[in-house]
Amino acid sequence: MKNITVETKSNGYKAEGIQSMIGKFEKAAAQLFPGCTVRHFYYGDSLDMADVVLEPGRYAHFNVTAKRVSLCGYTCSSEDLEKFGSMTHNDELYNGKLLEIAAKEESGNLKVFYTFGSDDRFPFCGGWVEVEAPSMKEAHAIFREHYPDRTPGILNCSDYYTEAQFNDSDMLSTGNRGAFCHRKLSA
């Protein structure tokens, strides 16, 4: 990351199975806390005990695994705590937005991919529509402008994914039900 310092103590491990989540975690730290230091301690190949240090006495401690990022301890202001809480994923105590934050482009936008199944009432059979917007809420609004809900409050698609989730699937290379990207929309 260009605007954070990363220090790693591997303890003899490589944590290969969790490097994708570690990358997302670092990207979120860089966006929320420019200039911070992220200290990793690989406690085996499947657990990273990471600290995000803002300055001496101002930090948060996280446990990072392949499917979860938990906030475990902190010494910081309530404003910093809110940001630290947003860096979690699948944590019972915090409503984390790690994947959404990590999906944001340098422009500050994120990409959301709306996929379609075989229901002939969907706008397309298979494939997806890509929307770039500053937030998930705005991406949904843009999608709805072009493809209104059939049932109020329910998006007119099978599912939607952040860019990180979509990239973890095989749809970019194999398609979705034989189709690929139908349209790209942006704010």
Protein backbone atom coordinates (compact mmCIF):
# COMPACT_ATOMS: atom_id res chain seq x y z
CA MET A 1 0.00 0.00 0.00
CA LYS A 2 1.33 3.38 -0.91
CA ASN A 3 0.14 5.41 2.09
CA ILE A 4 0.58 2.99 5.00
CA THR A 5 3.51 1.16 6.56
CA VAL A 6 3.20 -2.63 6.75
CA GLU A 7 5.31 -4.69 9.15
CA THR A 8 5.06 -8.48 9.24
CA LYS A 9 6.36 -11.02 11.73
CA SER A 10 5.74 -14.32 10.05
CA ASN A 11 6.72 -16.55 12.97
CA GLY A 12 7.85 -19.02 10.31
CA TYR A 13 4.42 -19.07 8.59
CA LYS A 14 3.28 -17.61 5.27
CA ALA A 15 -0.48 -17.36 5.91
CA GLU A 16 -1.00 -18.13 2.22
CA GLY A 17 -4.65 -19.10 2.66
CA ILE A 18 -5.58 -15.70 4.09
CA GLN A 19 -3.50 -13.33 1.96
CA SER A 20 -6.59 -12.26 -0.01
CA MET A 21 -8.36 -11.13 3.17
CA ILE A 22 -5.15 -9.53 4.47
CA GLY A 23 -4.93 -7.53 1.23
CA LYS A 24 -8.51 -6.31 1.67
CA PHE A 25 -7.80 -5.46 5.29
CA GLU A 26 -4.72 -3.40 4.34
CA LYS A 27 -6.63 -1.62 1.56
CA ALA A 28 -9.37 -0.64 4.02
CA ALA A 29 -6.77 0.56 6.55
CA ALA A 30 -5.13 2.70 3.88
CA GLN A 31 -8.45 4.31 2.94
CA LEU A 32 -9.70 4.90 6.49
CA PHE A 33 -6.40 5.71 8.21
CA PRO A 34 -3.84 7.13 5.73
CA GLY A 35 -0.36 7.11 7.24
CA CYS A 36 -1.10 4.34 9.74
CA THR A 37 1.09 1.31 10.45
CA VAL A 38 -0.36 -2.17 10.01
CA ARG A 39 1.52 -4.80 12.01
CA HIS A 40 0.90 -8.44 11.15
CA PHE A 41 1.78 -11.45 13.28
CA TYR A 42 1.04 -14.75 11.54
CA TYR A 43 -0.14 -17.12 14.23
CA GLY A 44 -0.12 -20.16 12.00
CA ASP A 45 -1.05 -20.35 8.34
CA SER A 46 -4.71 -19.48 8.89
CA LEU A 47 -4.66 -16.66 11.48
CA ASP A 48 -3.16 -13.17 11.38
CA MET A 49 -3.20 -11.14 14.58
CA ALA A 50 -3.04 -7.64 13.12
CA ASP A 51 -2.73 -4.22 14.72
CA VAL A 52 -3.61 -0.94 13.05
CA VAL A 53 -1.52 1.69 14.82
CA LEU A 54 -2.39 5.35 14.36
CA GLU A 55 0.15 6.61 16.91
CA PRO A 56 1.49 5.34 20.23
CA GLY A 57 -1.50 4.56 22.46
CA ARG A 58 -4.01 4.81 19.56
CA TYR A 59 -4.57 1.45 17.88
CA ALA A 60 -6.88 -1.50 17.33
CA HIS A 61 -6.19 -5.23 17.35
CA PHE A 62 -7.85 -7.61 14.87
CA ASN A 63 -7.91 -11.33 14.15
CA VAL A 64 -7.92 -11.99 10.40
CA THR A 65 -8.89 -15.34 8.87
CA ALA A 66 -10.02 -16.30 5.36
CA LYS A 67 -13.69 -15.67 6.10
CA ARG A 68 -13.69 -13.34 9.08
CA VAL A 69 -12.08 -10.18 10.46
CA SER A 70 -12.84 -9.52 14.14
CA LEU A 71 -12.06 -6.45 16.19
CA CYS A 72 -10.56 -7.79 19.43
CA GLY A 73 -9.33 -4.75 21.32
CA TYR A 74 -8.69 -1.06 20.94
CA THR A 75 -7.39 2.10 22.57
CA CYS A 76 -8.76 5.02 20.60
CA SER A 77 -11.42 7.71 20.30
CA SER A 78 -15.06 6.83 19.62
CA GLU A 79 -14.65 8.25 16.10
CA ASP A 80 -11.69 5.94 15.43
CA LEU A 81 -13.58 3.02 16.98
CA GLU A 82 -16.44 3.53 14.51
CA LYS A 83 -13.96 3.34 11.62
CA PHE A 84 -12.18 0.33 13.15
CA GLY A 85 -15.55 -1.41 13.55
CA SER A 86 -16.27 -0.85 9.86
CA MET A 87 -13.08 -2.81 9.02
CA THR A 88 -14.61 -6.07 10.30
CA HIS A 89 -16.23 -8.87 8.33
CA ASN A 90 -18.57 -11.53 9.80
CA ASP A 91 -18.02 -10.15 13.32
CA GLU A 92 -20.91 -10.58 15.76
CA LEU A 93 -20.37 -7.24 17.48
CA TYR A 94 -19.66 -4.85 14.62
CA ASN A 95 -21.54 -4.15 11.41
CA GLY A 96 -18.42 -4.29 9.30
CA LYS A 97 -18.11 -3.11 5.73
CA LEU A 98 -14.62 -4.43 5.02
CA LEU A 99 -15.46 -5.90 1.60
CA GLU A 100 -17.29 -2.76 0.51
CA ILE A 101 -14.46 -0.48 1.69
CA ALA A 102 -11.80 -2.66 0.04
CA ALA A 103 -13.79 -2.72 -3.20
CA LYS A 104 -13.63 1.06 -3.58
CA GLU A 105 -11.48 2.21 -6.44
CA GLU A 106 -8.85 4.94 -6.11
CA SER A 107 -11.57 7.27 -7.38
CA GLY A 108 -13.54 6.57 -4.22
CA ASN A 109 -16.11 4.48 -6.07
CA LEU A 110 -16.92 0.84 -5.73
CA LYS A 111 -18.15 -1.62 -8.32
CA VAL A 112 -21.22 -3.76 -7.75
CA PHE A 113 -22.13 -6.68 -10.01
CA TYR A 114 -25.82 -7.58 -10.39
CA THR A 115 -26.31 -11.12 -11.69
CA PHE A 116 -29.30 -12.74 -13.37
CA GLY A 117 -30.71 -16.25 -13.36
CA SER A 118 -33.03 -18.05 -15.75
CA ASP A 119 -36.31 -16.37 -14.71
CA ASP A 120 -37.67 -14.79 -17.90
CA ARG A 121 -38.95 -11.82 -15.86
CA PHE A 122 -35.36 -10.68 -15.21
CA PRO A 123 -33.98 -8.06 -17.63
CA PHE A 124 -31.45 -10.65 -18.88
CA CYS A 125 -30.99 -14.40 -18.76
CA GLY A 126 -27.62 -15.01 -17.09
CA GLY A 127 -24.72 -12.58 -17.15
CA TRP A 128 -24.52 -9.39 -15.13
CA VAL A 129 -24.73 -5.60 -15.04
CA GLU A 130 -21.82 -3.69 -13.50
CA VAL A 131 -22.52 -0.46 -11.59
CA GLU A 132 -19.82 1.93 -10.34
CA ALA A 133 -20.91 4.34 -7.60
CA PRO A 134 -19.65 5.98 -4.39
CA SER A 135 -21.65 3.59 -2.16
CA MET A 136 -23.66 0.39 -2.25
CA LYS A 137 -26.85 2.39 -1.64
CA GLU A 138 -26.14 4.64 -4.65
CA ALA A 139 -25.26 1.63 -6.81
CA HIS A 140 -28.64 0.07 -5.96
CA ALA A 141 -30.39 3.35 -6.85
CA ILE A 142 -28.64 3.49 -10.24
CA PHE A 143 -29.50 -0.14 -10.93
CA ARG A 144 -33.14 0.49 -9.98
CA GLU A 145 -33.34 3.50 -12.35
CA HIS A 146 -32.61 1.18 -15.26
CA TYR A 147 -34.17 -2.05 -13.94
CA PRO A 148 -37.03 -1.20 -11.53
CA ASP A 149 -38.02 -3.58 -8.74
CA ARG A 150 -40.77 -6.01 -9.76
CA THR A 151 -41.66 -6.27 -6.08
CA PRO A 152 -41.04 -3.09 -4.05
CA GLY A 153 -37.81 -3.35 -2.07
CA ILE A 154 -36.49 -6.40 -3.94
CA LEU A 155 -33.84 -5.79 -6.60
CA ASN A 156 -34.71 -7.09 -10.07
CA CYS A 157 -31.78 -9.53 -10.17
CA SER A 158 -30.74 -12.89 -8.72
CA ASP A 159 -27.93 -11.59 -6.54
CA TYR A 160 -25.34 -8.83 -6.29
CA TYR A 161 -21.64 -8.87 -5.41
CA THR A 162 -18.94 -6.40 -4.45
CA GLU A 163 -15.96 -6.38 -6.78
CA ALA A 164 -13.92 -8.47 -4.32
CA GLN A 165 -16.67 -11.08 -4.02
CA PHE A 166 -17.18 -11.15 -7.79
CA ASN A 167 -13.46 -11.53 -8.43
CA ASP A 168 -13.40 -14.47 -6.01
CA SER A 169 -15.98 -16.23 -8.20
CA ASP A 170 -15.17 -17.70 -11.60
CA MET A 171 -17.77 -15.62 -13.48
CA LEU A 172 -15.27 -13.20 -15.07
CA SER A 173 -13.68 -16.09 -16.95
CA THR A 174 -16.56 -18.56 -17.33
CA GLY A 175 -19.60 -16.27 -17.39
CA ASN A 176 -22.91 -16.69 -15.63
CA ARG A 177 -25.32 -19.12 -17.28
CA GLY A 178 -23.47 -18.68 -20.58
CA ALA A 179 -23.55 -14.87 -20.58
CA PHE A 180 -21.16 -12.12 -19.51
CA CYS A 181 -21.45 -8.37 -18.86
CA HIS A 182 -24.54 -6.88 -20.52
CA ARG A 183 -24.05 -3.28 -19.47
CA LYS A 184 -21.88 -0.95 -17.36
CA LEU A 185 -23.51 1.94 -15.50
CA SER A 186 -21.99 4.64 -13.32
CA ALA A 187 -22.96 7.60 -11.14
